[in-house]
Amino acid sequence: MRGAPTILHLDMDAFYASAEQAAKPSLRGKPVIVGGLGPRGVVATASYEARVFGVHSAMAMAQARRLCPNAAFLIPRFALYRKVSDSVMRLLHTLSPLVEPLSLDEAFVDLEAGGTEATVEAARAVGERLRTDIRAVTGLTGSVGLAGSKMLAKIGSEQAKPDGLVIIEPGTERDLLGPMSVRTLPGVGPATAETLRRAGIHTVAETREAGEAELVRLLGRAHGTSLFLMAEGRDERPVVAERDAKSISAEDTFDVDVTDRTRVQLEIARLADRCVRRLREAGRSGRTVVIKVRRYDFSTLTRSETLRGPTDDPGVVREAAARLIDSVDTTAGVRLLGVGVSGLADYTQEDLFAQAAQAAQAAQAAQAAHEALEGAGHPPGPERPEAVGERAEEASEGAGKPRHWLPGTDVRHTEYGAGWVQGSGVGRVTVRFEEPWSRPGRVRTFAVDDPALEPSEPLPLLRPDAGPGPAPQGEAADPSPDGTADPAESMGQGPREAEGPDGSAGAGGGPGQGPGQPVTSRP
């Protein structure tokens, strides 16, 4: 571990929700919750205004609705988030060649490898410049932690939230960590925390005082030794520029357990197609096809088949997945299905020859399954928010209308222009027409099959002609372009008759906490 603060950790503030507020002027300063909207959905991100009510990531969406019923509940739009993330990652790569992305909104940077002087002043200047550049390029805010190790840099960014910067200077590590929960340390999950709790260990200071020998006795040599070093503030993990994926997969959890055998087969075919799409986007091919089945009683099993050569052919993966699911009894009910490909390799020309025979044999069956799937409709909302966003993206790619207008979906009307879906139900869809750089827009209601309304791609968060970006999210938005909008509309609520059965059409207000925390330094 280096003493100087040469490791930077960036964590975008409430990333998905902040991006939605930046994209939708009417939602700025209001609670926004992004995630899966079905009964088994989970929260991906909650805005700071929603967190005041106790909503947090990984919470069941049903509980989030009870805690904050007036929030805007939106599907994720990963096409937009990826574009914003790419812009942020490009900024990080200007600081150093060693950038370790952890997710779309989080990364470590080794500043020393980029030539930054190993001093507190130099690190602070880089962190402040990065935060300024992120706001200028994306219109969003990020929090920065700077320290001599990855663990401490991440703790610093957590303390800096929202929209702040914290430097943990050499020599302060033990005092800083001491009163914190042992769950703060990397590698301490619920099971480890429970083991330590039974031994009377709750804080990092108590972990340190227990000693290495006691931790090894409780947790085993590898885990116990590592935990003791972390409690001492010592973290030797380097910033790793590339993380090679071991597998690529896609899975869905269903609102109601699936018992129909044909439905199970069609779902496996659709998941195989989605998995291959991800595989191709990553420029990879794989040799082993894996299916995952979680039954009604939560028991989970996997089956795999290794092919003669690596493939990224949808017909080949679909056929292999179909063979695997045929060996599994699903008559009692299936809660979750997944399809993955492992044994990844960079795509090469030789792959084509390994695929050819299998692809030819699979083509007819694959086409039949695909056509049957298209006629079967989409299943109920999945648990993972990624799957919700992917279905919305799939819907927008086709020439026809999506079967369901999900809240948050981008649309365009031939007369009114760009907008987004607030909610739908009883044959109607409510759309608010506004752009990221406009004032809050008007709400209008249409028939779900209105030919003038089409799905569209997300608009950029900043005006393409380099005009002013979104208003700061802590500022109150004007009620409408002419200041005369109905109060219900200014709260993000469409006409009552257009709300869906789950009441997800609206966005409510409430006490909030926006960004704007001053830059601080840990002495």
Protein backbone atom coordinates (compact mmCIF):
# COMPACT_ATOMS: atom_id res chain seq x y z
CA MET A 1 0.00 0.00 0.00
CA ARG A 2 1.33 3.41 -0.90
CA GLY A 3 1.15 6.12 1.72
CA ALA A 4 0.50 9.00 -0.66
CA PRO A 5 -3.09 9.40 -1.99
CA THR A 6 -2.37 8.04 -5.47
CA ILE A 7 -5.44 5.76 -5.81
CA LEU A 8 -8.62 7.50 -6.95
CA HIS A 9 -12.08 5.98 -6.65
CA LEU A 10 -14.93 7.56 -8.62
CA ASP A 11 -18.55 6.75 -7.85
CA MET A 12 -21.24 8.55 -9.83
CA ASP A 13 -24.01 9.88 -7.57
CA ALA A 14 -27.24 7.81 -7.77
CA PHE A 15 -26.24 7.21 -11.38
CA TYR A 16 -29.34 5.76 -13.04
CA ALA A 17 -31.74 8.00 -11.13
CA SER A 18 -29.59 11.10 -11.68
CA ALA A 19 -29.43 10.37 -15.40
CA GLU A 20 -33.22 10.10 -15.49
CA GLN A 21 -33.62 13.40 -13.65
CA ALA A 22 -31.17 15.05 -16.06
CA ALA A 23 -33.11 13.64 -19.01
CA LYS A 24 -36.54 14.57 -17.66
CA PRO A 25 -36.81 18.19 -16.43
CA SER A 26 -40.14 17.52 -14.69
CA LEU A 27 -38.46 15.01 -12.34
CA ARG A 28 -35.64 17.20 -11.07
CA GLY A 29 -35.78 17.58 -7.31
CA LYS A 30 -38.38 14.80 -7.02
CA PRO A 31 -38.08 11.16 -5.90
CA VAL A 32 -37.07 8.84 -8.74
CA ILE A 33 -36.71 5.07 -8.43
CA VAL A 34 -35.24 2.98 -11.24
CA GLY A 35 -35.51 -0.80 -11.42
CA GLY A 36 -37.70 -3.77 -12.27
CA LEU A 37 -41.34 -2.78 -12.04
CA GLY A 38 -42.91 -6.23 -11.64
CA PRO A 39 -44.03 -7.69 -8.29
CA ARG A 40 -40.64 -9.36 -7.94
CA GLY A 41 -38.67 -6.37 -9.19
CA VAL A 42 -35.83 -4.79 -7.24
CA VAL A 43 -34.54 -1.24 -7.00
CA ALA A 44 -31.47 -0.57 -9.12
CA THR A 45 -30.98 3.03 -7.99
CA ALA A 46 -32.98 5.56 -5.97
CA SER A 47 -32.48 9.31 -6.17
CA TYR A 48 -31.41 11.17 -3.04
CA GLU A 49 -34.94 12.54 -2.74
CA ALA A 50 -36.27 8.94 -2.58
CA ARG A 51 -33.57 7.85 -0.11
CA VAL A 52 -35.00 10.26 2.44
CA PHE A 53 -37.95 7.85 2.65
CA GLY A 54 -35.70 4.83 3.26
CA VAL A 55 -35.53 3.52 -0.31
CA HIS A 56 -32.18 2.02 -1.34
CA SER A 57 -30.60 -0.18 -4.01
CA ALA A 58 -31.44 -3.91 -3.97
CA MET A 59 -34.68 -3.26 -2.03
CA ALA A 60 -37.78 -5.06 -3.25
CA MET A 61 -39.71 -2.71 -5.52
CA ALA A 62 -42.93 -3.53 -3.69
CA GLN A 63 -41.40 -2.22 -0.45
CA ALA A 64 -40.09 0.88 -2.24
CA ARG A 65 -43.63 1.63 -3.43
CA ARG A 66 -44.91 1.41 0.12
CA LEU A 67 -42.18 3.70 1.46
CA CYS A 68 -42.37 6.29 -1.32
CA PRO A 69 -45.64 5.87 -3.24
CA ASN A 70 -45.39 9.26 -4.97
CA ALA A 71 -42.03 8.59 -6.60
CA ALA A 72 -41.53 8.17 -10.33
CA PHE A 73 -40.97 4.46 -10.91
CA LEU A 74 -39.04 3.98 -14.16
CA ILE A 75 -37.46 1.14 -16.10
CA PRO A 76 -33.68 1.35 -16.64
CA ARG A 77 -32.48 2.73 -19.98
CA PHE A 78 -29.10 1.06 -20.37
CA ALA A 79 -28.49 2.47 -23.84
CA LEU A 80 -28.32 5.94 -22.24
CA TYR A 81 -26.34 4.83 -19.19
CA ARG A 82 -23.71 3.12 -21.33
CA LYS A 83 -23.18 6.24 -23.41
CA VAL A 84 -22.74 8.40 -20.31
CA SER A 85 -20.45 5.78 -18.76
CA ASP A 86 -18.29 5.70 -21.88
CA SER A 87 -17.81 9.46 -21.64
CA VAL A 88 -16.81 9.21 -17.98
CA MET A 89 -14.39 6.35 -18.62
CA ARG A 90 -12.70 8.36 -21.39
CA LEU A 91 -12.10 11.13 -18.88
CA LEU A 92 -10.56 8.64 -16.45
CA HIS A 93 -8.23 7.30 -19.12
CA THR A 94 -6.82 10.79 -19.60
CA LEU A 95 -5.58 10.59 -16.00
CA SER A 96 -3.84 7.22 -16.20
CA PRO A 97 -3.50 4.08 -18.34
CA LEU A 98 -4.47 2.04 -15.26
CA VAL A 99 -8.25 2.35 -14.94
CA GLU A 100 -10.24 -0.48 -13.34
CA PRO A 101 -13.97 -0.19 -14.09
CA LEU A 102 -16.16 -1.95 -11.53
CA SER A 103 -19.49 -1.10 -13.16
CA LEU A 104 -21.00 1.55 -15.42
CA ASP A 105 -20.73 4.15 -12.68
CA GLU A 106 -17.70 3.18 -10.61
CA ALA A 107 -13.96 2.80 -11.22
CA PHE A 108 -10.50 2.91 -9.63
CA VAL A 109 -7.63 4.91 -11.16
CA ASP A 110 -3.91 4.58 -10.37
CA LEU A 111 -2.79 8.20 -10.57
CA GLU A 112 0.87 7.35 -10.02
CA ALA A 113 0.88 5.30 -13.24
CA GLY A 114 -0.42 8.40 -15.02
CA GLY A 115 2.44 10.57 -13.78
CA THR A 116 0.59 12.48 -11.06
CA GLU A 117 2.93 13.68 -8.33
CA ALA A 118 2.51 11.65 -5.12
CA THR A 119 1.38 14.55 -2.94
CA VAL A 120 -1.90 15.53 -1.32
CA GLU A 121 -2.00 18.82 -3.27
CA ALA A 122 -1.49 17.14 -6.65
CA ALA A 123 -4.11 14.46 -5.89
CA ARG A 124 -6.62 17.10 -4.80
CA ALA A 125 -6.11 19.10 -8.00
CA VAL A 126 -6.68 15.99 -10.15
CA GLY A 127 -9.82 15.02 -8.21
CA GLU A 128 -11.35 18.49 -8.40
CA ARG A 129 -10.60 18.77 -12.10
CA LEU A 130 -12.17 15.36 -12.74
CA ARG A 131 -15.39 16.33 -10.97
CA THR A 132 -15.57 19.56 -12.97
CA ASP A 133 -14.95 17.72 -16.25
CA ILE A 134 -17.61 15.09 -15.50
CA ARG A 135 -20.23 17.75 -14.88
CA ALA A 136 -19.23 19.60 -18.07
CA VAL A 137 -19.29 16.47 -20.25
CA THR A 138 -22.32 14.64 -18.81
CA GLY A 139 -24.28 17.17 -16.73
CA LEU A 140 -24.09 14.72 -13.80
CA THR A 141 -22.07 14.62 -10.59
CA GLY A 142 -19.64 12.11 -9.17
CA SER A 143 -17.96 11.69 -5.81
CA VAL A 144 -14.22 11.11 -5.51
CA GLY A 145 -12.15 9.40 -2.83
CA LEU A 146 -8.34 9.63 -2.81
CA ALA A 147 -6.09 7.48 -0.66
CA GLY A 148 -3.09 5.16 -0.67
CA SER A 149 -5.14 2.00 -1.31
CA LYS A 150 -8.27 0.87 -3.10
CA MET A 151 -10.14 0.10 0.13
CA LEU A 152 -9.53 3.53 1.61
CA ALA A 153 -10.21 5.35 -1.67
CA LYS A 154 -13.62 3.66 -1.87
CA ILE A 155 -14.40 4.57 1.73
CA GLY A 156 -13.42 8.16 0.89
CA SER A 157 -15.82 8.35 -2.04
CA GLU A 158 -18.64 7.01 0.15
CA GLN A 159 -17.94 9.74 2.70
CA ALA A 160 -17.84 12.35 -0.07
CA LYS A 161 -21.36 11.62 -1.35
CA PRO A 162 -23.07 13.37 -2.88
CA ASP A 163 -20.92 15.50 -5.21
CA GLY A 164 -17.87 15.79 -2.99
CA LEU A 165 -14.21 14.88 -2.63
CA VAL A 166 -12.48 13.32 0.37
CA ILE A 167 -8.76 12.71 0.76
CA ILE A 168 -7.58 10.19 3.36
CA GLU A 169 -4.08 11.30 4.21
CA PRO A 170 -1.26 8.96 5.28
CA GLY A 171 -1.24 8.20 8.98
CA THR A 172 -4.95 8.71 9.55
CA GLU A 173 -6.13 5.29 8.35
CA ARG A 174 -6.43 3.47 11.69
CA ASP A 175 -8.27 6.29 13.42
CA LEU A 176 -10.65 6.62 10.50
CA LEU A 177 -11.47 2.92 10.25
CA GLY A 178 -11.71 2.17 13.98
CA PRO A 179 -15.35 3.11 14.71
CA MET A 180 -16.69 1.84 11.38
CA SER A 181 -18.74 -1.34 11.09
CA VAL A 182 -16.78 -4.44 10.15
CA ARG A 183 -19.04 -4.65 7.08
CA THR A 184 -17.07 -1.70 5.73
CA LEU A 185 -14.10 -3.98 5.01
CA PRO A 186 -13.95 -5.71 1.60
CA GLY A 187 -14.89 -9.38 1.74
CA VAL A 188 -17.10 -9.09 4.82
CA GLY A 189 -20.58 -10.17 3.81
CA PRO A 190 -23.56 -11.17 5.92
CA ALA A 191 -22.19 -14.62 6.78
CA THR A 192 -18.76 -13.37 7.85
CA ALA A 193 -20.31 -10.47 9.78
CA GLU A 194 -22.55 -12.90 11.65
CA THR A 195 -19.57 -15.11 12.56
CA LEU A 196 -17.73 -12.07 13.89
CA ARG A 197 -20.81 -10.80 15.75
CA ARG A 198 -21.14 -14.09 17.62
CA ALA A 199 -17.53 -13.58 18.70
CA GLY A 200 -18.34 -10.08 19.95
CA ILE A 201 -16.67 -8.29 17.02
CA HIS A 202 -18.70 -5.46 15.52
CA THR A 203 -16.32 -2.65 14.50
CA VAL A 204 -13.04 -2.45 12.61
CA ALA A 205 -11.25 -1.50 15.84
CA GLU A 206 -12.59 -4.63 17.55
CA THR A 207 -11.49 -6.68 14.56
CA ARG A 208 -8.00 -5.31 14.88
CA GLU A 209 -7.94 -5.88 18.63
CA ALA A 210 -9.04 -9.49 18.22
CA GLY A 211 -5.72 -10.20 16.54
CA GLU A 212 -4.74 -12.18 13.49
CA ALA A 213 -4.67 -15.55 15.29
CA GLU A 214 -8.27 -15.21 16.49
CA LEU A 215 -9.50 -14.14 13.06
CA VAL A 216 -7.74 -17.10 11.46
CA ARG A 217 -9.39 -19.41 13.99
CA LEU A 218 -12.82 -17.95 13.20
CA LEU A 219 -12.55 -17.55 9.44
CA GLY A 220 -9.69 -19.68 8.19
CA ARG A 221 -6.14 -18.69 7.31
CA ALA A 222 -6.65 -16.89 4.00
CA HIS A 223 -9.75 -14.94 4.96
CA GLY A 224 -8.66 -14.25 8.53
CA THR A 225 -5.22 -12.95 7.54
CA SER A 226 -6.66 -10.76 4.80
CA LEU A 227 -9.27 -9.32 7.13
CA PHE A 228 -6.68 -8.48 9.78
CA LEU A 229 -4.55 -6.58 7.25
CA MET A 230 -7.63 -4.67 6.07
CA ALA A 231 -8.50 -3.75 9.65
CA GLU A 232 -4.97 -2.39 10.00
CA GLY A 233 -5.66 -0.19 6.99
CA ARG A 234 -3.36 -2.22 4.76
CA ASP A 235 -4.65 -3.11 1.29
CA GLU A 236 -2.11 -4.31 -1.25
CA ARG A 237 -4.55 -4.93 -4.12
CA PRO A 238 -3.32 -3.23 -7.30
CA VAL A 239 -5.48 -1.38 -9.81
CA VAL A 240 -6.10 -3.89 -12.61
CA ALA A 241 -6.77 -2.33 -15.99
CA GLU A 242 -8.54 -5.28 -17.59
CA ARG A 243 -10.98 -7.70 -16.00
CA ASP A 244 -11.52 -10.67 -18.27
CA ALA A 245 -15.09 -11.97 -18.08
CA LYS A 246 -15.37 -15.70 -17.43
CA SER A 247 -18.87 -16.00 -18.82
CA ILE A 248 -21.69 -14.00 -20.38
CA SER A 249 -25.30 -14.74 -19.52
CA ALA A 250 -28.90 -13.52 -19.44
CA GLU A 251 -31.64 -14.49 -17.01
CA ASP A 252 -35.19 -13.53 -16.04
CA THR A 253 -37.29 -14.03 -12.91
CA PHE A 254 -41.03 -14.35 -13.48
CA ASP A 255 -43.87 -12.73 -11.59
CA VAL A 256 -45.78 -16.02 -11.57
CA ASP A 257 -44.08 -19.43 -11.61
CA VAL A 258 -44.08 -20.85 -15.13
CA THR A 259 -45.45 -24.40 -15.43
CA ASP A 260 -46.29 -24.62 -19.13
CA ARG A 261 -43.58 -26.63 -20.89
CA THR A 262 -43.90 -24.78 -24.17
CA ARG A 263 -43.57 -21.45 -22.42
CA VAL A 264 -40.38 -22.65 -20.70
CA GLN A 265 -38.89 -23.67 -24.05
CA LEU A 266 -39.78 -20.32 -25.63
CA GLU A 267 -38.26 -18.42 -22.72
CA ILE A 268 -35.02 -20.40 -23.03
CA ALA A 269 -34.90 -19.56 -26.76
CA ARG A 270 -35.37 -15.85 -26.05
CA LEU A 271 -32.73 -15.84 -23.32
CA ALA A 272 -30.30 -17.63 -25.62
CA ASP A 273 -30.79 -14.88 -28.21
CA ARG A 274 -30.19 -12.17 -25.62
CA CYS A 275 -27.08 -13.96 -24.33
CA VAL A 276 -25.64 -14.19 -27.84
CA ARG A 277 -26.34 -10.52 -28.44
CA ARG A 278 -24.27 -9.69 -25.36
CA LEU A 279 -21.59 -12.11 -26.51
CA ARG A 280 -21.30 -10.38 -29.88
CA GLU A 281 -21.31 -6.92 -28.34
CA ALA A 282 -18.30 -8.01 -26.28
CA GLY A 283 -16.55 -9.35 -29.39
CA ARG A 284 -16.29 -12.83 -27.84
CA SER A 285 -17.26 -16.39 -28.60
CA GLY A 286 -17.72 -19.27 -26.19
CA ARG A 287 -17.55 -23.01 -26.11
CA THR A 288 -19.80 -24.08 -23.22
CA VAL A 289 -23.55 -23.36 -23.04
CA VAL A 290 -25.08 -23.32 -19.56
CA ILE A 291 -28.69 -23.08 -18.44
CA LYS A 292 -29.87 -22.11 -14.95
CA VAL A 293 -33.23 -23.14 -13.53
CA ARG A 294 -34.62 -21.95 -10.19
CA ARG A 295 -37.69 -23.95 -9.21
CA TYR A 296 -40.80 -22.90 -7.31
CA ASP A 297 -39.16 -23.99 -4.01
CA PHE A 298 -36.04 -21.83 -4.69
CA SER A 299 -33.86 -24.88 -5.39
CA THR A 300 -31.47 -24.03 -8.23
CA LEU A 301 -29.76 -26.29 -10.73
CA THR A 302 -27.53 -25.83 -13.75
CA ARG A 303 -26.87 -27.94 -16.83
CA SER A 304 -24.07 -27.42 -19.35
CA GLU A 305 -22.94 -28.69 -22.74
CA THR A 306 -19.52 -28.14 -24.29
CA LEU A 307 -19.54 -27.62 -28.05
CA ARG A 308 -16.93 -28.75 -30.56
CA GLY A 309 -15.66 -25.21 -30.96
CA PRO A 310 -16.30 -21.64 -29.78
CA THR A 311 -19.39 -19.98 -31.20
CA ASP A 312 -21.40 -16.79 -31.19
CA ASP A 313 -24.11 -18.19 -33.45
CA PRO A 314 -27.61 -17.74 -31.99
CA GLY A 315 -28.91 -20.92 -33.62
CA VAL A 316 -26.17 -23.03 -32.09
CA VAL A 317 -26.62 -21.60 -28.59
CA ARG A 318 -30.39 -21.81 -28.84
CA GLU A 319 -30.27 -25.47 -29.88
CA ALA A 320 -27.84 -26.41 -27.12
CA ALA A 321 -29.95 -24.62 -24.51
CA ALA A 322 -33.06 -26.41 -25.80
CA ARG A 323 -31.35 -29.79 -25.40
CA LEU A 324 -30.34 -28.90 -21.87
CA ILE A 325 -33.79 -27.73 -20.77
CA ASP A 326 -35.28 -30.95 -22.15
CA SER A 327 -33.38 -32.83 -19.44
CA VAL A 328 -34.94 -30.78 -16.62
CA ASP A 329 -38.37 -31.44 -15.10
CA THR A 330 -40.15 -28.06 -14.87
CA THR A 331 -43.73 -29.26 -14.39
CA ALA A 332 -43.87 -28.12 -10.74
CA GLY A 333 -43.09 -24.54 -11.68
CA VAL A 334 -40.10 -22.39 -12.58
CA ARG A 335 -39.30 -19.08 -10.87
CA LEU A 336 -36.16 -18.16 -12.86
CA LEU A 337 -34.49 -19.19 -16.11
CA GLY A 338 -31.08 -18.26 -17.43
CA VAL A 339 -28.80 -19.03 -20.37
CA GLY A 340 -25.05 -18.41 -20.34
CA VAL A 341 -21.94 -19.06 -22.40
CA SER A 342 -18.58 -19.77 -20.77
CA GLY A 343 -15.15 -20.84 -21.98
CA LEU A 344 -14.84 -17.46 -23.67
CA ALA A 345 -12.31 -16.64 -26.36
CA ASP A 346 -11.71 -13.74 -28.68
CA TYR A 347 -13.71 -14.25 -31.84
CA THR A 348 -11.58 -15.74 -34.61
CA GLN A 349 -12.18 -16.74 -38.21
CA GLU A 350 -11.65 -20.40 -37.27
CA ASP A 351 -14.80 -20.21 -35.15
CA LEU A 352 -16.85 -20.08 -38.31
CA PHE A 353 -15.82 -23.56 -39.37
CA ALA A 354 -16.56 -25.04 -35.95
CA GLN A 355 -19.99 -23.41 -36.05
CA ALA A 356 -21.02 -24.29 -39.57
CA ALA A 357 -22.26 -27.85 -39.14
CA GLN A 358 -24.06 -27.10 -35.88
CA ALA A 359 -25.61 -23.92 -37.25
CA ALA A 360 -26.97 -25.66 -40.30
CA GLN A 361 -28.61 -28.36 -38.19
CA ALA A 362 -30.06 -25.80 -35.79
CA ALA A 363 -31.36 -23.26 -38.30
CA GLN A 364 -34.78 -24.74 -38.97
CA ALA A 365 -35.61 -25.47 -35.33
CA ALA A 366 -34.24 -22.11 -34.24
CA GLN A 367 -36.34 -20.17 -36.72
CA ALA A 368 -39.48 -22.03 -35.64
CA ALA A 369 -38.79 -21.30 -31.97
CA HIS A 370 -38.10 -17.65 -32.72
CA GLU A 371 -41.33 -17.23 -34.65
CA ALA A 372 -43.29 -18.96 -31.90
CA LEU A 373 -41.68 -16.71 -29.32
CA GLU A 374 -42.63 -13.57 -31.22
CA GLY A 375 -46.22 -14.68 -31.20
CA ALA A 376 -46.23 -15.58 -27.54
CA GLY A 377 -45.74 -12.09 -26.12
CA HIS A 378 -43.45 -10.95 -23.36
CA PRO A 379 -43.62 -12.59 -19.94
CA PRO A 380 -44.28 -10.70 -16.72
CA GLY A 381 -41.66 -8.30 -15.44
CA PRO A 382 -38.35 -9.90 -14.42
CA GLU A 383 -36.58 -9.42 -11.14
CA ARG A 384 -33.35 -7.92 -12.48
CA PRO A 385 -33.62 -4.31 -13.70
CA GLU A 386 -31.19 -5.07 -16.54
CA ALA A 387 -33.74 -7.39 -18.08
CA VAL A 388 -36.45 -4.72 -17.93
CA GLY A 389 -34.25 -2.24 -19.74
CA GLU A 390 -33.26 -4.80 -22.34
CA ARG A 391 -36.88 -5.57 -23.13
CA ALA A 392 -37.59 -1.91 -23.62
CA GLU A 393 -34.59 -1.64 -25.93
CA GLU A 394 -35.73 -4.72 -27.84
CA ALA A 395 -39.15 -3.13 -28.27
CA SER A 396 -37.69 0.10 -29.64
CA GLU A 397 -35.58 -1.74 -32.22
CA GLY A 398 -38.53 -3.23 -34.09
CA ALA A 399 -40.67 -1.48 -36.65
CA GLY A 400 -43.90 -2.19 -34.78
CA LYS A 401 -45.24 -0.93 -31.47
CA PRO A 402 -44.17 -2.55 -28.20
CA ARG A 403 -46.90 -4.57 -26.55
CA HIS A 404 -46.51 -2.53 -23.37
CA TRP A 405 -45.49 1.11 -22.91
CA LEU A 406 -43.27 0.89 -19.83
CA PRO A 407 -42.77 3.97 -17.62
CA GLY A 408 -39.65 5.82 -18.67
CA THR A 409 -39.59 4.55 -22.26
CA ASP A 410 -38.42 7.08 -24.88
CA VAL A 411 -41.01 7.93 -27.53
CA ARG A 412 -41.55 10.37 -30.36
CA HIS A 413 -44.86 11.73 -31.64
CA THR A 414 -45.19 13.02 -35.18
CA GLU A 415 -46.80 16.24 -33.94
CA TYR A 416 -45.47 16.77 -30.41
CA GLY A 417 -41.91 15.50 -30.80
CA ALA A 418 -39.77 13.73 -28.19
CA GLY A 419 -41.14 12.57 -24.85
CA TRP A 420 -41.25 9.72 -22.37
CA VAL A 421 -43.93 7.38 -21.07
CA GLN A 422 -45.31 8.21 -17.63
CA GLY A 423 -47.69 5.26 -17.49
CA SER A 424 -50.21 3.18 -19.38
CA GLY A 425 -53.32 1.11 -18.79
CA VAL A 426 -56.87 0.45 -19.97
CA GLY A 427 -55.79 0.95 -23.58
CA ARG A 428 -54.24 4.39 -23.00
CA VAL A 429 -50.69 5.69 -22.64
CA THR A 430 -49.65 8.95 -20.96
CA VAL A 431 -46.62 10.78 -22.38
CA ARG A 432 -44.81 13.86 -21.11
CA PHE A 433 -43.23 15.79 -23.97
CA GLU A 434 -39.93 17.37 -22.91
CA GLU A 435 -36.23 17.23 -23.68
CA PRO A 436 -33.22 17.28 -21.32
CA TRP A 437 -32.49 20.91 -22.20
CA SER A 438 -36.11 22.11 -22.22
CA ARG A 439 -38.41 23.31 -19.46
CA PRO A 440 -40.80 20.73 -17.94
CA GLY A 441 -43.22 19.65 -20.64
CA ARG A 442 -46.92 19.00 -21.06
CA VAL A 443 -48.61 15.65 -20.50
CA ARG A 444 -50.86 14.15 -23.18
CA THR A 445 -52.75 10.87 -23.38
CA PHE A 446 -53.12 8.62 -26.45
CA ALA A 447 -54.48 5.25 -27.41
CA VAL A 448 -51.77 2.60 -26.99
CA ASP A 449 -51.94 1.84 -30.72
CA ASP A 450 -51.85 5.46 -31.89
CA PRO A 451 -49.90 5.34 -35.20
CA ALA A 452 -48.37 8.77 -34.53
CA LEU A 453 -46.52 7.47 -31.43
CA GLU A 454 -43.31 5.51 -31.88
CA PRO A 455 -40.52 4.23 -29.62
CA SER A 456 -37.30 6.22 -30.02
CA GLU A 457 -33.67 6.29 -28.97
CA PRO A 458 -32.65 8.20 -25.81
CA LEU A 459 -31.69 11.84 -26.30
CA PRO A 460 -28.27 12.98 -25.08
CA LEU A 461 -28.28 14.64 -21.67
CA LEU A 462 -26.58 17.76 -23.04
CA ARG A 463 -27.76 19.77 -26.01
CA PRO A 464 -25.94 18.52 -29.13
CA ASP A 465 -25.01 22.09 -30.15
CA ALA A 466 -23.02 22.45 -26.88
CA GLY A 467 -25.65 24.68 -25.30
CA PRO A 468 -26.35 24.71 -21.54
CA GLY A 469 -26.82 21.35 -19.88
CA PRO A 470 -29.52 20.22 -17.51
CA ALA A 471 -30.41 22.48 -14.64
CA PRO A 472 -28.80 21.51 -11.33
CA GLN A 473 -30.97 18.80 -9.87
CA GLY A 474 -31.35 20.53 -6.54
CA GLU A 475 -33.25 23.41 -8.16
CA ALA A 476 -37.01 23.36 -8.41
CA ALA A 477 -38.32 22.95 -11.94
CA ASP A 478 -40.84 25.33 -13.45
CA PRO A 479 -44.28 23.73 -13.72
CA SER A 480 -44.54 23.93 -17.52
CA PRO A 481 -43.25 25.78 -20.58
CA ASP A 482 -45.75 28.54 -20.02
CA GLY A 483 -45.98 28.21 -16.24
CA THR A 484 -49.63 27.10 -16.32
CA ALA A 485 -49.44 23.33 -16.03
CA ASP A 486 -51.87 21.47 -13.85
CA PRO A 487 -50.36 20.80 -10.39
CA ALA A 488 -50.76 17.05 -10.86
CA GLU A 489 -48.79 17.29 -14.09
CA SER A 490 -46.00 19.22 -12.42
CA MET A 491 -45.69 16.34 -9.96
CA GLY A 492 -45.23 13.94 -12.86
CA GLN A 493 -48.72 12.44 -12.61
CA GLY A 494 -50.70 11.82 -15.73
CA PRO A 495 -54.48 11.65 -16.07
CA ARG A 496 -55.98 9.16 -13.68
CA GLU A 497 -57.49 7.02 -16.38
CA ALA A 498 -54.10 6.46 -17.98
CA GLU A 499 -52.38 4.93 -14.96
CA GLY A 500 -51.53 1.26 -15.03
CA PRO A 501 -52.80 -1.26 -12.54
CA ASP A 502 -49.69 -0.75 -10.42
CA GLY A 503 -50.12 3.00 -10.28
CA SER A 504 -46.69 3.58 -11.78
CA ALA A 505 -47.59 6.52 -13.95
CA GLY A 506 -46.61 9.29 -11.56
CA ALA A 507 -43.76 10.96 -9.83
CA GLY A 508 -44.24 12.60 -6.50
CA GLY A 509 -42.53 15.28 -4.53
CA GLY A 510 -41.30 15.24 -1.00
CA PRO A 511 -38.43 16.40 1.10
CA GLY A 512 -35.22 15.84 -0.83
CA GLN A 513 -31.52 16.18 -0.61
CA GLY A 514 -29.73 17.24 -3.77
CA PRO A 515 -26.05 17.36 -4.62
CA GLY A 516 -23.87 20.22 -3.55
CA GLN A 517 -21.81 18.92 -0.64
CA PRO A 518 -18.65 21.00 -0.41
CA VAL A 519 -15.28 19.52 -1.14
CA THR A 520 -13.77 18.18 2.06
CA SER A 521 -10.48 16.65 3.10
CA ARG A 522 -9.93 13.98 5.72
CA PRO A 523 -7.17 15.34 8.00
